[in-house]
C-alpha cells in the first residue's frame, strides 16, 4: 500500500492503483483517475460507478454480466464506456477494490 495524491487528496492505494478505502472516494478523484486512463466521464459513467459502489457496499460480487444486467447499461455499452477493461477500469474509477473476476 502506498499514499498517492489524487485531486488534491492524499489516498491509500494498492500496488495497482485501486483505492484501499472506499470512503476516500469522491467525484473529483473519479474524474482524475479516469483522465489518467484516458476516459472523460459522463453522467452515464457515474450511473455505472454508483451502481458498482452500491453493490460493493452490499458485499455483492461484481462481474461484467451482472453490470450488463443492471438495467443501467448492457454489456456492449459497458465496453463502450470503459474500453480495454470495462470492469477493471470502472472499478478503479469507482474507488472500489479490484474485483476478483479481473486479471
N, C-alpha and C. Protein backbone atom coordinates (compact mmCIF):
# COMPACT_ATOMS: atom_id res chain seq x y z
N UNK A 1 0.84 -1.18 0.00
CA UNK A 1 0.00 0.00 0.00
C UNK A 1 0.88 1.24 0.00
N UNK A 2 0.44 2.23 -0.74
CA UNK A 2 1.17 3.48 -0.76
C UNK A 2 0.18 4.64 -0.73
N UNK A 3 0.70 5.82 -0.52
CA UNK A 3 -0.12 7.02 -0.49
C UNK A 3 0.09 7.79 -1.78
N UNK A 4 -1.01 8.24 -2.38
CA UNK A 4 -0.96 8.98 -3.63
C UNK A 4 -1.89 10.19 -3.50
N UNK A 5 -1.48 11.31 -4.06
CA UNK A 5 -2.34 12.48 -4.07
C UNK A 5 -3.13 12.48 -5.37
N UNK A 6 -4.46 12.41 -5.23
CA UNK A 6 -5.36 12.41 -6.38
C UNK A 6 -6.38 13.52 -6.16
N UNK A 7 -6.49 14.43 -7.08
CA UNK A 7 -7.43 15.56 -6.98
C UNK A 7 -7.22 16.34 -5.69
N UNK A 8 -5.95 16.47 -5.30
CA UNK A 8 -5.62 17.24 -4.11
C UNK A 8 -5.85 16.54 -2.79
N UNK A 9 -6.19 15.25 -2.84
CA UNK A 9 -6.47 14.48 -1.62
C UNK A 9 -5.48 13.33 -1.53
N UNK A 10 -4.89 13.14 -0.35
CA UNK A 10 -4.00 12.00 -0.15
C UNK A 10 -4.84 10.77 0.14
N UNK A 11 -4.65 9.73 -0.67
CA UNK A 11 -5.41 8.49 -0.51
C UNK A 11 -4.46 7.30 -0.48
N UNK A 12 -4.90 6.24 0.15
CA UNK A 12 -4.15 5.00 0.19
C UNK A 12 -4.54 4.17 -1.02
N UNK A 13 -3.54 3.73 -1.79
CA UNK A 13 -3.80 2.93 -2.98
C UNK A 13 -2.99 1.64 -2.94
N UNK A 14 -3.52 0.63 -3.63
CA UNK A 14 -2.82 -0.65 -3.76
C UNK A 14 -1.70 -0.50 -4.79
N UNK A 15 -0.93 -1.56 -4.97
CA UNK A 15 0.15 -1.55 -5.96
C UNK A 15 -0.38 -1.27 -7.36
N UNK A 16 -1.64 -1.67 -7.62
CA UNK A 16 -2.24 -1.48 -8.95
C UNK A 16 -3.02 -0.17 -9.07
N UNK A 17 -3.03 0.63 -8.00
CA UNK A 17 -3.67 1.93 -8.05
C UNK A 17 -5.12 1.98 -7.62
N UNK A 18 -5.64 0.90 -7.06
CA UNK A 18 -7.02 0.89 -6.56
C UNK A 18 -7.05 1.50 -5.16
N UNK A 19 -8.10 2.28 -4.88
CA UNK A 19 -8.22 2.86 -3.54
C UNK A 19 -8.35 1.75 -2.52
N UNK A 20 -7.67 1.90 -1.41
CA UNK A 20 -7.75 0.91 -0.33
C UNK A 20 -8.95 1.18 0.58
N UNK A 21 -9.43 2.41 0.60
CA UNK A 21 -10.54 2.80 1.47
C UNK A 21 -11.61 3.49 0.61
N UNK A 22 -12.74 2.82 0.42
CA UNK A 22 -13.81 3.37 -0.43
C UNK A 22 -14.30 4.73 0.05
N UNK A 23 -14.19 4.98 1.35
CA UNK A 23 -14.73 6.23 1.90
C UNK A 23 -13.90 7.45 1.48
N UNK A 24 -12.70 7.23 0.95
CA UNK A 24 -11.87 8.34 0.50
C UNK A 24 -12.27 8.84 -0.88
N UNK A 25 -13.15 8.14 -1.55
CA UNK A 25 -13.54 8.45 -2.94
C UNK A 25 -14.47 9.65 -3.01
N UNK A 26 -14.33 10.42 -4.07
CA UNK A 26 -15.30 11.47 -4.41
C UNK A 26 -15.27 11.64 -5.93
N UNK A 27 -16.18 12.45 -6.46
CA UNK A 27 -16.25 12.61 -7.91
C UNK A 27 -14.99 13.22 -8.51
N UNK A 28 -14.32 14.10 -7.77
CA UNK A 28 -13.07 14.68 -8.24
C UNK A 28 -12.00 13.63 -8.42
N UNK A 29 -11.92 12.71 -7.47
CA UNK A 29 -10.95 11.60 -7.56
C UNK A 29 -11.31 10.73 -8.76
N UNK A 30 -12.59 10.45 -8.93
CA UNK A 30 -13.02 9.63 -10.07
C UNK A 30 -12.61 10.27 -11.38
N UNK A 31 -12.84 11.58 -11.50
CA UNK A 31 -12.50 12.28 -12.74
C UNK A 31 -11.00 12.24 -13.03
N UNK A 32 -10.18 12.39 -11.98
CA UNK A 32 -8.74 12.38 -12.19
C UNK A 32 -8.23 10.99 -12.57
N UNK A 33 -8.73 9.95 -11.89
CA UNK A 33 -8.34 8.58 -12.24
C UNK A 33 -8.75 8.28 -13.68
N UNK A 34 -9.97 8.67 -14.05
CA UNK A 34 -10.46 8.44 -15.41
C UNK A 34 -9.60 9.17 -16.43
N UNK A 35 -9.22 10.38 -16.10
CA UNK A 35 -8.38 11.16 -17.00
C UNK A 35 -7.04 10.47 -17.23
N UNK A 36 -6.46 9.90 -16.17
CA UNK A 36 -5.19 9.18 -16.29
C UNK A 36 -5.33 7.98 -17.23
N UNK A 37 -6.52 7.38 -17.25
CA UNK A 37 -6.78 6.22 -18.10
C UNK A 37 -7.17 6.64 -19.51
N UNK A 38 -7.56 7.90 -19.67
CA UNK A 38 -7.96 8.40 -20.97
C UNK A 38 -9.47 8.38 -21.20
N UNK A 39 -10.23 8.44 -20.11
CA UNK A 39 -11.69 8.42 -20.19
C UNK A 39 -12.23 9.74 -19.65
N UNK A 40 -13.14 10.36 -20.40
CA UNK A 40 -13.83 11.55 -19.92
C UNK A 40 -15.20 11.12 -19.43
N UNK A 41 -15.45 11.33 -18.14
CA UNK A 41 -16.68 10.82 -17.52
C UNK A 41 -17.91 11.63 -17.91
N UNK A 42 -18.99 10.90 -18.14
CA UNK A 42 -20.30 11.47 -18.45
C UNK A 42 -21.27 11.05 -17.34
N UNK A 43 -22.48 11.60 -17.34
CA UNK A 43 -23.47 11.13 -16.35
C UNK A 43 -23.71 9.62 -16.41
N UNK A 44 -23.66 9.02 -17.59
CA UNK A 44 -23.86 7.56 -17.71
C UNK A 44 -22.72 6.81 -17.01
N UNK A 45 -21.48 7.32 -17.14
CA UNK A 45 -20.36 6.72 -16.41
C UNK A 45 -20.65 6.73 -14.91
N UNK A 46 -21.12 7.87 -14.41
CA UNK A 46 -21.38 7.97 -12.97
C UNK A 46 -22.52 7.05 -12.52
N UNK A 47 -23.49 6.78 -13.39
CA UNK A 47 -24.54 5.82 -13.05
C UNK A 47 -23.92 4.45 -12.82
N UNK A 48 -23.01 4.05 -13.71
CA UNK A 48 -22.32 2.77 -13.57
C UNK A 48 -21.45 2.76 -12.32
N UNK A 49 -20.68 3.83 -12.10
CA UNK A 49 -19.78 3.90 -10.94
C UNK A 49 -20.58 3.79 -9.64
N UNK A 50 -21.69 4.50 -9.55
CA UNK A 50 -22.51 4.44 -8.34
C UNK A 50 -23.13 3.07 -8.15
N UNK A 51 -23.53 2.40 -9.23
CA UNK A 51 -24.03 1.03 -9.16
C UNK A 51 -22.95 0.11 -8.58
N UNK A 52 -21.72 0.23 -9.09
CA UNK A 52 -20.61 -0.60 -8.61
C UNK A 52 -20.36 -0.37 -7.12
N UNK A 53 -20.40 0.88 -6.71
CA UNK A 53 -20.16 1.21 -5.30
C UNK A 53 -21.27 0.63 -4.41
N UNK A 54 -22.52 0.73 -4.87
CA UNK A 54 -23.64 0.19 -4.10
C UNK A 54 -23.51 -1.32 -3.94
N UNK A 55 -23.20 -2.01 -5.02
CA UNK A 55 -23.07 -3.47 -4.97
C UNK A 55 -21.89 -3.89 -4.10
N UNK A 56 -20.80 -3.14 -4.16
CA UNK A 56 -19.64 -3.45 -3.33
C UNK A 56 -19.97 -3.24 -1.85
N UNK A 57 -20.65 -2.15 -1.53
CA UNK A 57 -21.05 -1.90 -0.14
C UNK A 57 -21.99 -2.99 0.37
N UNK A 58 -22.80 -3.56 -0.52
CA UNK A 58 -23.72 -4.64 -0.16
C UNK A 58 -23.03 -6.00 -0.16
N UNK A 59 -21.71 -5.99 -0.40
CA UNK A 59 -20.88 -7.21 -0.42
C UNK A 59 -21.30 -8.20 -1.51
N UNK A 60 -21.80 -7.66 -2.63
CA UNK A 60 -22.19 -8.50 -3.77
C UNK A 60 -21.03 -8.58 -4.75
N UNK A 61 -20.82 -9.76 -5.30
CA UNK A 61 -19.75 -9.94 -6.28
C UNK A 61 -20.06 -9.22 -7.57
N UNK A 62 -19.05 -8.73 -8.23
CA UNK A 62 -19.23 -7.99 -9.48
C UNK A 62 -18.65 -8.77 -10.65
N UNK A 63 -19.42 -8.82 -11.71
CA UNK A 63 -18.95 -9.38 -12.97
C UNK A 63 -19.45 -8.47 -14.09
N UNK A 64 -18.86 -8.60 -15.25
CA UNK A 64 -19.33 -7.84 -16.40
C UNK A 64 -20.79 -8.18 -16.67
N UNK A 65 -21.13 -9.46 -16.53
CA UNK A 65 -22.51 -9.90 -16.77
C UNK A 65 -23.48 -9.23 -15.80
N UNK A 66 -23.12 -9.14 -14.51
CA UNK A 66 -24.03 -8.53 -13.53
C UNK A 66 -24.23 -7.04 -13.81
N UNK A 67 -23.19 -6.37 -14.25
CA UNK A 67 -23.32 -4.96 -14.61
C UNK A 67 -24.19 -4.84 -15.86
N UNK A 68 -24.02 -5.75 -16.80
CA UNK A 68 -24.81 -5.75 -18.03
C UNK A 68 -26.29 -6.01 -17.77
N UNK A 69 -26.60 -6.68 -16.66
CA UNK A 69 -27.99 -6.95 -16.31
C UNK A 69 -28.55 -5.92 -15.32
N UNK A 70 -27.80 -4.88 -15.06
CA UNK A 70 -28.18 -3.88 -14.06
C UNK A 70 -29.37 -3.02 -14.48
N UNK A 71 -29.60 -2.94 -15.78
CA UNK A 71 -30.63 -2.04 -16.28
C UNK A 71 -30.08 -0.66 -16.57
N UNK A 72 -28.82 -0.43 -16.22
CA UNK A 72 -28.17 0.86 -16.48
C UNK A 72 -27.53 0.84 -17.87
N UNK A 73 -26.77 -0.21 -18.12
CA UNK A 73 -26.11 -0.41 -19.41
C UNK A 73 -26.14 -1.89 -19.74
N UNK A 74 -26.05 -2.20 -21.03
CA UNK A 74 -25.85 -3.59 -21.40
C UNK A 74 -24.34 -3.81 -21.54
N UNK A 75 -23.95 -5.01 -21.82
CA UNK A 75 -22.51 -5.32 -21.88
C UNK A 75 -21.81 -4.52 -22.98
N UNK A 76 -22.46 -4.39 -24.12
CA UNK A 76 -21.86 -3.63 -25.22
C UNK A 76 -21.63 -2.17 -24.81
N UNK A 77 -22.61 -1.58 -24.14
CA UNK A 77 -22.48 -0.19 -23.68
C UNK A 77 -21.40 -0.05 -22.62
N UNK A 78 -21.28 -1.07 -21.75
CA UNK A 78 -20.23 -1.04 -20.72
C UNK A 78 -18.85 -1.01 -21.37
N UNK A 79 -18.67 -1.83 -22.41
CA UNK A 79 -17.39 -1.83 -23.14
C UNK A 79 -17.15 -0.50 -23.83
N UNK A 80 -18.22 0.15 -24.32
CA UNK A 80 -18.06 1.45 -24.98
C UNK A 80 -17.66 2.53 -23.97
N UNK A 81 -18.21 2.45 -22.76
CA UNK A 81 -17.88 3.45 -21.73
C UNK A 81 -16.48 3.26 -21.16
N UNK A 82 -16.08 2.00 -20.99
CA UNK A 82 -14.79 1.67 -20.37
C UNK A 82 -14.03 0.68 -21.26
N UNK A 83 -13.50 1.17 -22.40
CA UNK A 83 -12.79 0.27 -23.31
C UNK A 83 -11.53 -0.33 -22.67
N UNK A 84 -11.11 -1.46 -23.21
CA UNK A 84 -9.85 -2.12 -22.81
C UNK A 84 -9.88 -2.63 -21.37
N UNK A 85 -11.03 -2.93 -20.84
CA UNK A 85 -11.12 -3.47 -19.49
C UNK A 85 -12.26 -2.86 -18.72
N UNK A 86 -13.50 -3.14 -19.13
CA UNK A 86 -14.64 -2.44 -18.55
C UNK A 86 -14.79 -2.59 -17.04
N UNK A 87 -14.68 -3.78 -16.51
CA UNK A 87 -14.86 -3.93 -15.07
C UNK A 87 -13.61 -3.48 -14.31
N UNK A 88 -12.46 -3.75 -14.87
CA UNK A 88 -11.20 -3.35 -14.24
C UNK A 88 -11.12 -1.83 -14.09
N UNK A 89 -11.36 -1.12 -15.19
CA UNK A 89 -11.23 0.34 -15.15
C UNK A 89 -12.39 1.00 -14.43
N UNK A 90 -13.61 0.50 -14.62
CA UNK A 90 -14.75 1.10 -13.92
C UNK A 90 -14.60 0.93 -12.42
N UNK A 91 -14.08 -0.20 -11.98
CA UNK A 91 -13.87 -0.42 -10.54
C UNK A 91 -12.81 0.51 -9.98
N UNK A 92 -11.75 0.69 -10.73
CA UNK A 92 -10.67 1.59 -10.30
C UNK A 92 -11.20 3.01 -10.16
N UNK A 93 -11.96 3.46 -11.16
CA UNK A 93 -12.51 4.81 -11.14
C UNK A 93 -13.55 4.96 -10.04
N UNK A 94 -14.30 3.89 -9.75
CA UNK A 94 -15.35 3.92 -8.72
C UNK A 94 -14.77 3.90 -7.30
N UNK A 95 -13.47 3.66 -7.19
CA UNK A 95 -12.84 3.66 -5.87
C UNK A 95 -13.12 2.42 -5.05
N UNK A 96 -13.40 1.32 -5.75
CA UNK A 96 -13.68 0.06 -5.06
C UNK A 96 -12.52 -0.90 -5.28
N UNK A 97 -12.42 -1.96 -4.46
CA UNK A 97 -11.33 -2.92 -4.67
C UNK A 97 -11.45 -3.61 -6.02
N UNK A 98 -10.33 -4.06 -6.53
CA UNK A 98 -10.31 -4.78 -7.80
C UNK A 98 -11.16 -6.04 -7.66
N UNK A 99 -12.16 -6.23 -8.54
CA UNK A 99 -12.98 -7.45 -8.47
C UNK A 99 -12.14 -8.69 -8.66
N UNK A 100 -12.52 -9.75 -7.98
CA UNK A 100 -11.76 -11.00 -8.08
C UNK A 100 -11.84 -11.59 -9.48
N UNK A 101 -12.86 -11.20 -10.25
CA UNK A 101 -13.01 -11.72 -11.61
C UNK A 101 -12.07 -11.05 -12.61
N UNK A 102 -11.36 -10.00 -12.18
CA UNK A 102 -10.43 -9.28 -13.07
C UNK A 102 -9.04 -9.86 -12.95
N UNK A 103 -8.36 -9.94 -14.07
CA UNK A 103 -6.99 -10.46 -14.09
C UNK A 103 -6.03 -9.37 -13.67
